[in-house]
C-alpha cells in the first residue's frame, strides 16, 4: 500500500482540487473579501463557490495535452539529503496527435547518473521520475482507451488496486467524497466543517501574471494550526474574471508521521489555444521519505508550447 501511496498520491498533486464548496454554508461566511470582489455585481459569491465543486476545466487542460501536438521542454533532477545530485534528465520533445492517438519524437535528450534502470527498455528507477514519465512522455503510439492505466482519468475499478487509485484521484477531482487513504484522507477535505477551524479563506481581485484581470481564491493553514492537523498548507487559484476559467494554481502539501513524510510545492499554469485551455507550465519541488527506500528529493519542470490543432 505504501508503494501505491507514494507512486500515485504525487500524481494527484498535478490536478489540485477541481472543486471547493461543501454543503455547509459556514465556509461562505468565513471568507475574507476585498472591496473589488464585494463591488462586482456580476458575482454571486455564494453560487460561485458552489459552482467550483463541479468545475472540470483545470482537469481538462491536462487531458487536452494528449489531444494536441506540441513542443515540450522537460528537466528533472534528483538529490540526496545533502543536496548532491543523484541523477538528472533533460529532453526536448515534439508530440504529434490526431486527437485520439499520439506519438512523440525526441529532439534532444541528456541523462546524468543512474536515472534509468538497466535493460533495453528505459524505466526510471525513481518514483517521482516514473510519475513524470507516465504523465508527460509518450512511448510508441498510444491511443485513448489503450493505456493500461491513465493517470488522468477516474475509470471503472476492475481491481482492488485500481479502486484504491481511483480513491486517490477522487481526493483531488471530487473533494468531499469519502475516500480510503490512510492517515491523510479526511485531512485533505479542507472545506469540510471539521477542517475549517484550521484554515483562513480569502477571495480577492488582482492580476494574473501581471496582465489578466482575475479573482484569486486562497486557502492557507492558520499559524496556530498544529503541524499534523493539516496536509494542505497553502492553495491559491487564479480565475479569469471574464469567464471564471482557472488559469493557474500554486500550492504546498506537507505531512509527516512514523510511516512516511512528504513536503511538496507545485506551480501550474494553463493557457488558451483555439477554443480549449491546455496546460502550459508545471514546476514541482518535492521531498518523499518512506520505509525501506531512500528519500527522494526531486525538482522538475515541463513547459509546453507551439500547440497544433488535432485533425479531428
C-alpha atoms as a PDB file:
ATOM      1  CA  UNK A   1       0.000   0.000   0.000  1.00  0.00           C
ATOM      2  CA  UNK A   2       2.831   2.408   0.764  1.00  0.00           C
ATOM      3  CA  UNK A   3       4.192   1.891  -2.724  1.00  0.00           C
ATOM      4  CA  UNK A   4       0.869   2.877  -4.295  1.00  0.00           C
ATOM      5  CA  UNK A   5       0.546   5.839  -1.970  1.00  0.00           C
ATOM      6  CA  UNK A   6       3.925   7.222  -2.973  1.00  0.00           C
ATOM      7  CA  UNK A   7       3.530   6.452  -6.669  1.00  0.00           C
ATOM      8  CA  UNK A   8       0.008   7.750  -7.168  1.00  0.00           C
ATOM      9  CA  UNK A   9      -0.520  10.351  -4.475  1.00  0.00           C
ATOM     10  CA  UNK A  10       2.049  12.676  -6.121  1.00  0.00           C
ATOM     11  CA  UNK A  11       0.095  12.251  -9.360  1.00  0.00           C
ATOM     12  CA  UNK A  12      -2.886  13.831  -7.667  1.00  0.00           C
ATOM     13  CA  UNK A  13      -0.829  16.870  -6.860  1.00  0.00           C
ATOM     14  CA  UNK A  14      -0.861  17.826 -10.516  1.00  0.00           C
ATOM     15  CA  UNK A  15      -4.603  18.087 -10.507  1.00  0.00           C
ATOM     16  CA  UNK A  16      -5.352  20.152  -7.426  1.00  0.00           C
ATOM     17  CA  UNK A  17      -8.957  20.039  -6.347  1.00  0.00           C
ATOM     18  CA  UNK A  18     -11.377  20.746  -9.187  1.00  0.00           C
ATOM     19  CA  UNK A  19     -13.958  21.996  -6.728  1.00  0.00           C
ATOM     20  CA  UNK A  20     -14.098  23.687  -3.402  1.00  0.00           C
ATOM     21  CA  UNK A  21     -17.523  24.044  -1.883  1.00  0.00           C
ATOM     22  CA  UNK A  22     -19.043  21.813   0.725  1.00  0.00           C
ATOM     23  CA  UNK A  23     -22.752  21.803   1.562  1.00  0.00           C
ATOM     24  CA  UNK A  24     -22.141  23.720   4.763  1.00  0.00           C
ATOM     25  CA  UNK A  25     -22.786  27.463   4.426  1.00  0.00           C
ATOM     26  CA  UNK A  26     -20.200  28.225   7.102  1.00  0.00           C
ATOM     27  CA  UNK A  27     -17.395  28.438   4.518  1.00  0.00           C
ATOM     28  CA  UNK A  28     -19.115  31.336   2.795  1.00  0.00           C
ATOM     29  CA  UNK A  29     -19.356  33.336   5.991  1.00  0.00           C
ATOM     30  CA  UNK A  30     -15.702  32.705   6.886  1.00  0.00           C
ATOM     31  CA  UNK A  31     -14.347  34.150   3.634  1.00  0.00           C
ATOM     32  CA  UNK A  32     -12.317  37.337   3.683  1.00  0.00           C
ATOM     33  CA  UNK A  33     -13.321  39.542   0.708  1.00  0.00           C
ATOM     34  CA  UNK A  34     -11.677  42.638  -0.684  1.00  0.00           C
ATOM     35  CA  UNK A  35     -13.681  45.682  -1.820  1.00  0.00           C
ATOM     36  CA  UNK A  36     -13.379  44.851  -5.519  1.00  0.00           C
ATOM     37  CA  UNK A  37     -14.986  41.448  -5.026  1.00  0.00           C
ATOM     38  CA  UNK A  38     -17.813  42.940  -2.982  1.00  0.00           C
ATOM     39  CA  UNK A  39     -18.491  45.614  -5.641  1.00  0.00           C
ATOM     40  CA  UNK A  40     -18.609  43.220  -8.612  1.00  0.00           C
ATOM     41  CA  UNK A  41     -22.348  42.988  -9.297  1.00  0.00           C
ATOM     42  CA  UNK A  42     -21.812  40.093 -11.734  1.00  0.00           C
ATOM     43  CA  UNK A  43     -20.586  37.866  -8.948  1.00  0.00           C
ATOM     44  CA  UNK A  44     -22.948  35.871  -6.800  1.00  0.00           C
ATOM     45  CA  UNK A  45     -20.197  34.691  -4.495  1.00  0.00           C
ATOM     46  CA  UNK A  46     -22.185  32.007  -2.744  1.00  0.00           C
ATOM     47  CA  UNK A  47     -23.220  30.389  -6.031  1.00  0.00           C
ATOM     48  CA  UNK A  48     -19.737  30.838  -7.454  1.00  0.00           C
ATOM     49  CA  UNK A  49     -18.125  28.919  -4.612  1.00  0.00           C
ATOM     50  CA  UNK A  50     -20.644  26.124  -5.055  1.00  0.00           C
ATOM     51  CA  UNK A  51     -20.055  26.110  -8.801  1.00  0.00           C
ATOM     52  CA  UNK A  52     -16.398  25.298  -8.219  1.00  0.00           C
ATOM     53  CA  UNK A  53     -17.412  21.950  -6.786  1.00  0.00           C
ATOM     54  CA  UNK A  54     -18.292  20.655 -10.245  1.00  0.00           C
ATOM     55  CA  UNK A  55     -15.709  22.565 -12.305  1.00  0.00           C
ATOM     56  CA  UNK A  56     -13.576  20.333 -14.523  1.00  0.00           C
ATOM     57  CA  UNK A  57     -11.836  22.900 -16.725  1.00  0.00           C
ATOM     58  CA  UNK A  58      -8.469  22.580 -14.979  1.00  0.00           C
ATOM     59  CA  UNK A  59      -8.598  18.810 -15.272  1.00  0.00           C
ATOM     60  CA  UNK A  60      -9.473  19.077 -18.976  1.00  0.00           C
ATOM     61  CA  UNK A  61      -6.459  21.344 -19.574  1.00  0.00           C
ATOM     62  CA  UNK A  62      -4.237  18.351 -18.784  1.00  0.00           C
ATOM     63  CA  UNK A  63      -6.342  15.935 -20.779  1.00  0.00           C
ATOM     64  CA  UNK A  64      -6.114  18.302 -23.739  1.00  0.00           C
ATOM     65  CA  UNK A  65      -2.339  17.872 -23.791  1.00  0.00           C
ATOM     66  CA  UNK A  66      -2.951  14.367 -25.050  1.00  0.00           C
ATOM     67  CA  UNK A  67      -5.225  15.550 -27.846  1.00  0.00           C
ATOM     68  CA  UNK A  68      -2.880  18.120 -29.423  1.00  0.00           C
ATOM     69  CA  UNK A  69       0.555  18.294 -30.918  1.00  0.00           C
ATOM     70  CA  UNK A  70       3.051  20.440 -29.020  1.00  0.00           C
ATOM     71  CA  UNK A  71       6.698  21.063 -28.244  1.00  0.00           C
ATOM     72  CA  UNK A  72       7.825  20.177 -24.715  1.00  0.00           C
ATOM     73  CA  UNK A  73      10.882  21.109 -22.690  1.00  0.00           C
ATOM     74  CA  UNK A  74      11.498  18.888 -19.658  1.00  0.00           C
ATOM     75  CA  UNK A  75      14.059  18.797 -16.876  1.00  0.00           C
ATOM     76  CA  UNK A  76      14.118  16.659 -13.740  1.00  0.00           C
ATOM     77  CA  UNK A  77      16.825  16.417 -11.044  1.00  0.00           C
ATOM     78  CA  UNK A  78      17.041  14.028  -8.099  1.00  0.00           C
ATOM     79  CA  UNK A  79      19.053  14.992  -4.998  1.00  0.00           C
ATOM     80  CA  UNK A  80      20.272  13.232  -1.880  1.00  0.00           C
ATOM     81  CA  UNK A  81      19.801  14.576   1.652  1.00  0.00           C
ATOM     82  CA  UNK A  82      22.937  16.702   1.309  1.00  0.00           C
ATOM     83  CA  UNK A  83      21.524  18.261  -1.887  1.00  0.00           C
ATOM     84  CA  UNK A  84      24.062  16.494  -4.058  1.00  0.00           C
ATOM     85  CA  UNK A  85      22.744  15.473  -7.494  1.00  0.00           C
ATOM     86  CA  UNK A  86      21.937  11.765  -7.670  1.00  0.00           C
ATOM     87  CA  UNK A  87      20.698  11.786 -11.280  1.00  0.00           C
ATOM     88  CA  UNK A  88      19.095  14.091 -13.795  1.00  0.00           C
ATOM     89  CA  UNK A  89      17.241  14.027 -17.085  1.00  0.00           C
ATOM     90  CA  UNK A  90      16.536  16.678 -19.740  1.00  0.00           C
ATOM     91  CA  UNK A  91      14.655  16.403 -23.001  1.00  0.00           C
ATOM     92  CA  UNK A  92      13.125  18.366 -25.826  1.00  0.00           C
ATOM     93  CA  UNK A  93      10.206  16.550 -27.426  1.00  0.00           C
ATOM     94  CA  UNK A  94       7.610  17.062 -30.127  1.00  0.00           C
ATOM     95  CA  UNK A  95       4.253  15.353 -29.756  1.00  0.00           C
ATOM     96  CA  UNK A  96       2.037  14.503 -32.722  1.00  0.00           C
ATOM     97  CA  UNK A  97      -1.654  13.813 -32.187  1.00  0.00           C
ATOM     98  CA  UNK A  98      -4.701  13.231 -34.368  1.00  0.00           C
ATOM     99  CA  UNK A  99      -6.998  13.843 -31.414  1.00  0.00           C
ATOM    100  CA  UNK A 100      -7.188  10.176 -30.468  1.00  0.00           C
ATOM    101  CA  UNK A 101      -3.732   8.671 -30.954  1.00  0.00           C
ATOM    102  CA  UNK A 102      -0.387  10.306 -30.241  1.00  0.00           C
ATOM    103  CA  UNK A 103       3.324   9.711 -30.805  1.00  0.00           C
ATOM    104  CA  UNK A 104       6.402  11.584 -29.614  1.00  0.00           C
ATOM    105  CA  UNK A 105       9.748  12.449 -31.188  1.00  0.00           C
ATOM    106  CA  UNK A 106      12.823  13.130 -29.068  1.00  0.00           C
ATOM    107  CA  UNK A 107      14.708  16.162 -30.406  1.00  0.00           C
ATOM    108  CA  UNK A 108      17.222  16.202 -27.552  1.00  0.00           C
ATOM    109  CA  UNK A 109      17.882  14.020 -24.535  1.00  0.00           C
ATOM    110  CA  UNK A 110      20.519  14.257 -21.800  1.00  0.00           C
ATOM    111  CA  UNK A 111      20.932  11.804 -18.925  1.00  0.00           C
ATOM    112  CA  UNK A 112      23.254  12.190 -15.934  1.00  0.00           C
ATOM    113  CA  UNK A 113      23.833   9.378 -13.432  1.00  0.00           C
ATOM    114  CA  UNK A 114      21.751   6.225 -12.956  1.00  0.00           C
ATOM    115  CA  UNK A 115      18.445   7.783 -13.903  1.00  0.00           C
ATOM    116  CA  UNK A 116      17.198   4.628 -15.652  1.00  0.00           C
ATOM    117  CA  UNK A 117      17.235   1.005 -14.559  1.00  0.00           C
ATOM    118  CA  UNK A 118      19.243  -1.489 -16.592  1.00  0.00           C
ATOM    119  CA  UNK A 119      17.837  -3.276 -19.593  1.00  0.00           C
ATOM    120  CA  UNK A 120      16.790  -2.342 -23.113  1.00  0.00           C
ATOM    121  CA  UNK A 121      13.537  -0.674 -22.055  1.00  0.00           C
ATOM    122  CA  UNK A 122      14.199   2.605 -20.323  1.00  0.00           C
ATOM    123  CA  UNK A 123      12.469   2.629 -16.976  1.00  0.00           C
ATOM    124  CA  UNK A 124      13.136   5.390 -14.419  1.00  0.00           C
ATOM    125  CA  UNK A 125      14.488   3.993 -11.158  1.00  0.00           C
ATOM    126  CA  UNK A 126      12.891   6.742  -9.023  1.00  0.00           C
ATOM    127  CA  UNK A 127       9.229   7.026  -8.000  1.00  0.00           C
ATOM    128  CA  UNK A 128       8.922  10.669  -8.937  1.00  0.00           C
ATOM    129  CA  UNK A 129      10.724  10.139 -12.223  1.00  0.00           C
ATOM    130  CA  UNK A 130       8.370   7.285 -13.061  1.00  0.00           C
ATOM    131  CA  UNK A 131       5.422   9.570 -12.373  1.00  0.00           C
ATOM    132  CA  UNK A 132       6.948  12.257 -14.583  1.00  0.00           C
ATOM    133  CA  UNK A 133       7.488   9.764 -17.388  1.00  0.00           C
ATOM    134  CA  UNK A 134       3.960   8.403 -17.255  1.00  0.00           C
ATOM    135  CA  UNK A 135       2.313  11.807 -17.258  1.00  0.00           C
ATOM    136  CA  UNK A 136       4.321  13.714 -19.853  1.00  0.00           C
ATOM    137  CA  UNK A 137       6.244  11.326 -22.097  1.00  0.00           C
ATOM    138  CA  UNK A 138       4.708   9.124 -24.780  1.00  0.00           C
ATOM    139  CA  UNK A 139       6.482   5.932 -25.820  1.00  0.00           C
ATOM    140  CA  UNK A 140       5.431   4.444 -29.128  1.00  0.00           C
ATOM    141  CA  UNK A 141       1.904   5.041 -30.428  1.00  0.00           C
ATOM    142  CA  UNK A 142      -0.689   5.485 -27.693  1.00  0.00           C
ATOM    143  CA  UNK A 143      -4.425   5.813 -28.292  1.00  0.00           C
ATOM    144  CA  UNK A 144      -7.247   6.744 -25.968  1.00  0.00           C
ATOM    145  CA  UNK A 145      -8.616   3.652 -24.270  1.00  0.00           C
ATOM    146  CA  UNK A 146      -5.458   1.624 -24.916  1.00  0.00           C
ATOM    147  CA  UNK A 147      -3.484   2.926 -21.962  1.00  0.00           C
ATOM    148  CA  UNK A 148      -3.053   0.344 -19.259  1.00  0.00           C
ATOM    149  CA  UNK A 149      -3.569   2.929 -16.580  1.00  0.00           C
ATOM    150  CA  UNK A 150      -4.486   6.506 -17.468  1.00  0.00           C
ATOM    151  CA  UNK A 151      -3.335   8.615 -14.526  1.00  0.00           C
ATOM    152  CA  UNK A 152      -5.548  11.487 -15.710  1.00  0.00           C
ATOM    153  CA  UNK A 153      -8.795   9.522 -15.658  1.00  0.00           C
ATOM    154  CA  UNK A 154     -11.068   8.137 -12.954  1.00  0.00           C
ATOM    155  CA  UNK A 155     -12.331   4.991 -14.603  1.00  0.00           C
ATOM    156  CA  UNK A 156     -14.113   1.830 -13.606  1.00  0.00           C
ATOM    157  CA  UNK A 157     -12.325  -0.025 -10.834  1.00  0.00           C
ATOM    158  CA  UNK A 158     -11.676  -3.525 -12.178  1.00  0.00           C
ATOM    159  CA  UNK A 159      -9.390  -4.464  -9.322  1.00  0.00           C
ATOM    160  CA  UNK A 160      -8.731  -3.636  -5.687  1.00  0.00           C
ATOM    161  CA  UNK A 161      -5.605  -1.736  -6.671  1.00  0.00           C
ATOM    162  CA  UNK A 162      -7.441   0.285  -9.332  1.00  0.00           C
ATOM    163  CA  UNK A 163     -10.164   1.060  -6.811  1.00  0.00           C
ATOM    164  CA  UNK A 164      -7.573   2.412  -4.424  1.00  0.00           C
ATOM    165  CA  UNK A 165      -6.021   4.529  -7.180  1.00  0.00           C
ATOM    166  CA  UNK A 166      -9.445   5.894  -8.083  1.00  0.00           C
ATOM    167  CA  UNK A 167      -9.979   6.911  -4.464  1.00  0.00           C
ATOM    168  CA  UNK A 168      -6.744   8.859  -4.568  1.00  0.00           C
ATOM    169  CA  UNK A 169      -7.852  10.671  -7.716  1.00  0.00           C
ATOM    170  CA  UNK A 170     -11.249  11.484  -6.231  1.00  0.00           C
ATOM    171  CA  UNK A 171      -9.434  13.220  -3.411  1.00  0.00           C
ATOM    172  CA  UNK A 172      -8.363  15.818  -5.939  1.00  0.00           C
ATOM    173  CA  UNK A 173     -11.121  15.818  -8.558  1.00  0.00           C
ATOM    174  CA  UNK A 174     -14.058  15.408  -6.195  1.00  0.00           C
ATOM    175  CA  UNK A 175     -13.011  16.613  -2.738  1.00  0.00           C
ATOM    176  CA  UNK A 176     -15.575  15.900  -0.096  1.00  0.00           C
ATOM    177  CA  UNK A 177     -16.321  12.368  -1.280  1.00  0.00           C
ATOM    178  CA  UNK A 178     -15.413   9.557   1.066  1.00  0.00           C
ATOM    179  CA  UNK A 179     -12.008   8.057   0.217  1.00  0.00           C
ATOM    180  CA  UNK A 180      -9.829   5.488   1.906  1.00  0.00           C
ATOM    181  CA  UNK A 181      -6.353   6.997   2.169  1.00  0.00           C
ATOM    182  CA  UNK A 182      -4.614   6.102   5.442  1.00  0.00           C
ATOM    183  CA  UNK A 183      -3.877   8.975   7.832  1.00  0.00           C
ATOM    184  CA  UNK A 184      -4.472  11.818   5.397  1.00  0.00           C
ATOM    185  CA  UNK A 185      -7.798  11.187   3.640  1.00  0.00           C
ATOM    186  CA  UNK A 186     -10.040  13.266   5.897  1.00  0.00           C
ATOM    187  CA  UNK A 187      -7.441  15.987   6.310  1.00  0.00           C
ATOM    188  CA  UNK A 188      -7.433  16.640   2.560  1.00  0.00           C
ATOM    189  CA  UNK A 189     -11.067  17.783   2.744  1.00  0.00           C
ATOM    190  CA  UNK A 190     -10.034  21.341   3.520  1.00  0.00           C
ATOM    191  CA  UNK A 191     -13.558  22.754   3.212  1.00  0.00           C
ATOM    192  CA  UNK A 192     -15.245  20.240   5.497  1.00  0.00           C
ATOM    193  CA  UNK A 193     -16.779  21.596   8.674  1.00  0.00           C
ATOM    194  CA  UNK A 194     -14.223  19.689  10.726  1.00  0.00           C
ATOM    195  CA  UNK A 195     -11.240  21.194   8.860  1.00  0.00           C
ATOM    196  CA  UNK A 196     -12.471  24.787   8.581  1.00  0.00           C
ATOM    197  CA  UNK A 197     -11.116  25.695  12.006  1.00  0.00           C
ATOM    198  CA  UNK A 198      -7.581  25.131  10.729  1.00  0.00           C
ATOM    199  CA  UNK A 199      -7.773  27.440   7.678  1.00  0.00           C
ATOM    200  CA  UNK A 200      -8.129  31.028   6.536  1.00  0.00           C
ATOM    201  CA  UNK A 201     -10.044  31.576   3.285  1.00  0.00           C
ATOM    202  CA  UNK A 202      -9.894  34.704   1.117  1.00  0.00           C
ATOM    203  CA  UNK A 203     -11.340  35.855  -2.192  1.00  0.00           C
ATOM    204  CA  UNK A 204      -9.666  38.872  -3.777  1.00  0.00           C
ATOM    205  CA  UNK A 205      -9.277  40.733  -7.067  1.00  0.00           C
ATOM    206  CA  UNK A 206      -5.948  41.036  -8.870  1.00  0.00           C
ATOM    207  CA  UNK A 207      -3.862  40.373 -11.980  1.00  0.00           C
ATOM    208  CA  UNK A 208      -2.690  37.003 -13.223  1.00  0.00           C
ATOM    209  CA  UNK A 209       0.942  37.206 -14.387  1.00  0.00           C
ATOM    210  CA  UNK A 210       0.557  40.957 -14.341  1.00  0.00           C
ATOM    211  CA  UNK A 211      -1.832  41.192 -17.273  1.00  0.00           C
ATOM    212  CA  UNK A 212      -5.104  39.263 -16.902  1.00  0.00           C
ATOM    213  CA  UNK A 213      -7.834  40.548 -14.576  1.00  0.00           C
ATOM    214  CA  UNK A 214      -8.633  37.738 -12.216  1.00  0.00           C
ATOM    215  CA  UNK A 215     -10.131  36.623  -8.938  1.00  0.00           C
ATOM    216  CA  UNK A 216      -7.767  34.914  -6.520  1.00  0.00           C
ATOM    217  CA  UNK A 217      -9.103  32.275  -4.158  1.00  0.00           C
ATOM    218  CA  UNK A 218      -6.659  31.446  -1.360  1.00  0.00           C
ATOM    219  CA  UNK A 219      -6.704  28.847   1.384  1.00  0.00           C
ATOM    220  CA  UNK A 220      -3.900  28.858   3.941  1.00  0.00           C
ATOM    221  CA  UNK A 221      -3.364  26.908   7.140  1.00  0.00           C
ATOM    222  CA  UNK A 222      -3.715  29.068  10.241  1.00  0.00           C
ATOM    223  CA  UNK A 223      -0.479  29.946  12.006  1.00  0.00           C
ATOM    224  CA  UNK A 224      -1.692  28.328  15.208  1.00  0.00           C
ATOM    225  CA  UNK A 225      -2.704  25.065  13.477  1.00  0.00           C
ATOM    226  CA  UNK A 226      -0.628  22.092  14.574  1.00  0.00           C
ATOM    227  CA  UNK A 227       1.814  20.686  12.028  1.00  0.00           C
ATOM    228  CA  UNK A 228      -0.082  17.399  11.925  1.00  0.00           C
ATOM    229  CA  UNK A 229      -3.550  18.972  11.793  1.00  0.00           C
ATOM    230  CA  UNK A 230      -3.361  19.771   8.091  1.00  0.00           C
ATOM    231  CA  UNK A 231      -1.931  18.366   4.865  1.00  0.00           C
ATOM    232  CA  UNK A 232      -2.696  21.260   2.518  1.00  0.00           C
ATOM    233  CA  UNK A 233      -0.625  24.164   3.806  1.00  0.00           C
ATOM    234  CA  UNK A 234      -1.416  26.604   1.001  1.00  0.00           C
ATOM    235  CA  UNK A 235      -3.665  26.627  -2.057  1.00  0.00           C
ATOM    236  CA  UNK A 236      -4.031  29.599  -4.396  1.00  0.00           C
ATOM    237  CA  UNK A 237      -6.189  29.531  -7.528  1.00  0.00           C
ATOM    238  CA  UNK A 238      -6.497  32.214 -10.209  1.00  0.00           C
ATOM    239  CA  UNK A 239      -9.771  32.663 -12.119  1.00  0.00           C
ATOM    240  CA  UNK A 240     -10.177  34.746 -15.279  1.00  0.00           C
ATOM    241  CA  UNK A 241     -12.777  37.415 -14.485  1.00  0.00           C
ATOM    242  CA  UNK A 242     -14.304  37.198 -17.951  1.00  0.00           C
ATOM    243  CA  UNK A 243     -15.391  33.562 -17.777  1.00  0.00           C
ATOM    244  CA  UNK A 244     -14.112  32.220 -14.415  1.00  0.00           C
ATOM    245  CA  UNK A 245     -11.726  29.834 -16.190  1.00  0.00           C
ATOM    246  CA  UNK A 246      -8.959  28.574 -13.911  1.00  0.00           C
ATOM    247  CA  UNK A 247      -5.655  29.985 -15.183  1.00  0.00           C
ATOM    248  CA  UNK A 248      -3.213  28.670 -12.605  1.00  0.00           C
ATOM    249  CA  UNK A 249      -2.629  27.193  -9.168  1.00  0.00           C
ATOM    250  CA  UNK A 250       0.097  27.344  -6.546  1.00  0.00           C
ATOM    251  CA  UNK A 251       0.073  25.032  -3.579  1.00  0.00           C
ATOM    252  CA  UNK A 252       2.035  23.252  -0.908  1.00  0.00           C
ATOM    253  CA  UNK A 253       1.279  19.941   0.788  1.00  0.00           C
ATOM    254  CA  UNK A 254       3.208  18.649   3.769  1.00  0.00           C
ATOM    255  CA  UNK A 255       2.717  15.824   6.236  1.00  0.00           C
ATOM    256  CA  UNK A 256       4.806  13.596   8.466  1.00  0.00           C
ATOM    257  CA  UNK A 257       4.132  10.540  10.607  1.00  0.00           C
ATOM    258  CA  UNK A 258       6.009   7.424  11.690  1.00  0.00           C
ATOM    259  CA  UNK A 259       5.414   5.667   8.336  1.00  0.00           C
ATOM    260  CA  UNK A 260       6.056   8.315   5.706  1.00  0.00           C
ATOM    261  CA  UNK A 261       6.581  12.038   5.188  1.00  0.00           C
ATOM    262  CA  UNK A 262       6.401  14.431   2.273  1.00  0.00           C
ATOM    263  CA  UNK A 263       6.747  18.138   1.516  1.00  0.00           C
ATOM    264  CA  UNK A 264       5.666  19.179  -1.982  1.00  0.00           C
ATOM    265  CA  UNK A 265       5.287  22.574  -3.654  1.00  0.00           C
ATOM    266  CA  UNK A 266       3.636  22.893  -7.068  1.00  0.00           C
ATOM    267  CA  UNK A 267       3.046  25.705  -9.568  1.00  0.00           C
ATOM    268  CA  UNK A 268       0.788  25.047 -12.550  1.00  0.00           C
ATOM    269  CA  UNK A 269      -0.319  27.278 -15.440  1.00  0.00           C
ATOM    270  CA  UNK A 270      -2.747  26.842 -18.348  1.00  0.00           C
ATOM    271  CA  UNK A 271      -3.376  28.901 -21.481  1.00  0.00           C
ATOM    272  CA  UNK A 272      -5.976  29.144 -24.217  1.00  0.00           C
ATOM    273  CA  UNK A 273      -5.429  27.561 -27.635  1.00  0.00           C
ATOM    274  CA  UNK A 274      -8.251  27.951 -30.143  1.00  0.00           C
ATOM    275  CA  UNK A 275     -11.335  27.177 -28.058  1.00  0.00           C
ATOM    276  CA  UNK A 276      -9.571  24.995 -25.494  1.00  0.00           C
ATOM    277  CA  UNK A 277      -7.413  25.527 -22.441  1.00  0.00           C
ATOM    278  CA  UNK A 278      -4.208  23.497 -22.283  1.00  0.00           C
ATOM    279  CA  UNK A 279      -1.620  23.038 -19.538  1.00  0.00           C
ATOM    280  CA  UNK A 280       1.403  25.189 -20.367  1.00  0.00           C
ATOM    281  CA  UNK A 281       3.799  25.017 -17.389  1.00  0.00           C
ATOM    282  CA  UNK A 282       4.385  22.799 -14.373  1.00  0.00           C
ATOM    283  CA  UNK A 283       7.007  23.195 -11.646  1.00  0.00           C
ATOM    284  CA  UNK A 284       7.418  20.609  -8.883  1.00  0.00           C
ATOM    285  CA  UNK A 285       9.691  20.724  -5.852  1.00  0.00           C
ATOM    286  CA  UNK A 286       9.139  17.777  -3.560  1.00  0.00           C
ATOM    287  CA  UNK A 287      10.529  15.531  -0.842  1.00  0.00           C
ATOM    288  CA  UNK A 288       9.359  11.993  -0.044  1.00  0.00           C
ATOM    289  CA  UNK A 289      10.588   9.546   2.593  1.00  0.00           C
ATOM    290  CA  UNK A 290       9.124   6.063   3.021  1.00  0.00           C
ATOM    291  CA  UNK A 291      10.319   2.885   4.781  1.00  0.00           C
ATOM    292  CA  UNK A 292      12.962   0.723   3.061  1.00  0.00           C
ATOM    293  CA  UNK A 293      13.550   3.341   0.343  1.00  0.00           C
ATOM    294  CA  UNK A 294      15.998   6.175   0.016  1.00  0.00           C
ATOM    295  CA  UNK A 295      14.342   9.571   0.444  1.00  0.00           C
ATOM    296  CA  UNK A 296      13.555  11.243  -2.856  1.00  0.00           C
ATOM    297  CA  UNK A 297      14.224  14.940  -3.230  1.00  0.00           C
ATOM    298  CA  UNK A 298      13.181  15.994  -6.689  1.00  0.00           C
ATOM    299  CA  UNK A 299      12.764  19.188  -8.698  1.00  0.00           C
ATOM    300  CA  UNK A 300      11.306  19.177 -12.187  1.00  0.00           C
ATOM    301  CA  UNK A 301       9.543  21.372 -14.669  1.00  0.00           C
ATOM    302  CA  UNK A 302       7.781  20.959 -18.000  1.00  0.00           C
ATOM    303  CA  UNK A 303       6.967  23.706 -20.480  1.00  0.00           C
ATOM    304  CA  UNK A 304       4.550  23.179 -23.363  1.00  0.00           C
ATOM    305  CA  UNK A 305       4.272  25.421 -26.428  1.00  0.00           C
ATOM    306  CA  UNK A 306       3.676  25.509 -30.201  1.00  0.00           C
ATOM    307  CA  UNK A 307       0.350  23.695 -29.902  1.00  0.00           C
ATOM    308  CA  UNK A 308      -1.033  22.093 -33.035  1.00  0.00           C
ATOM    309  CA  UNK A 309      -4.709  21.513 -33.702  1.00  0.00           C
ATOM    310  CA  UNK A 310      -5.689  17.858 -33.975  1.00  0.00           C
ATOM    311  CA  UNK A 311      -7.103  16.530 -37.230  1.00  0.00           C
ATOM    312  CA  UNK A 312     -10.369  15.655 -35.532  1.00  0.00           C
END
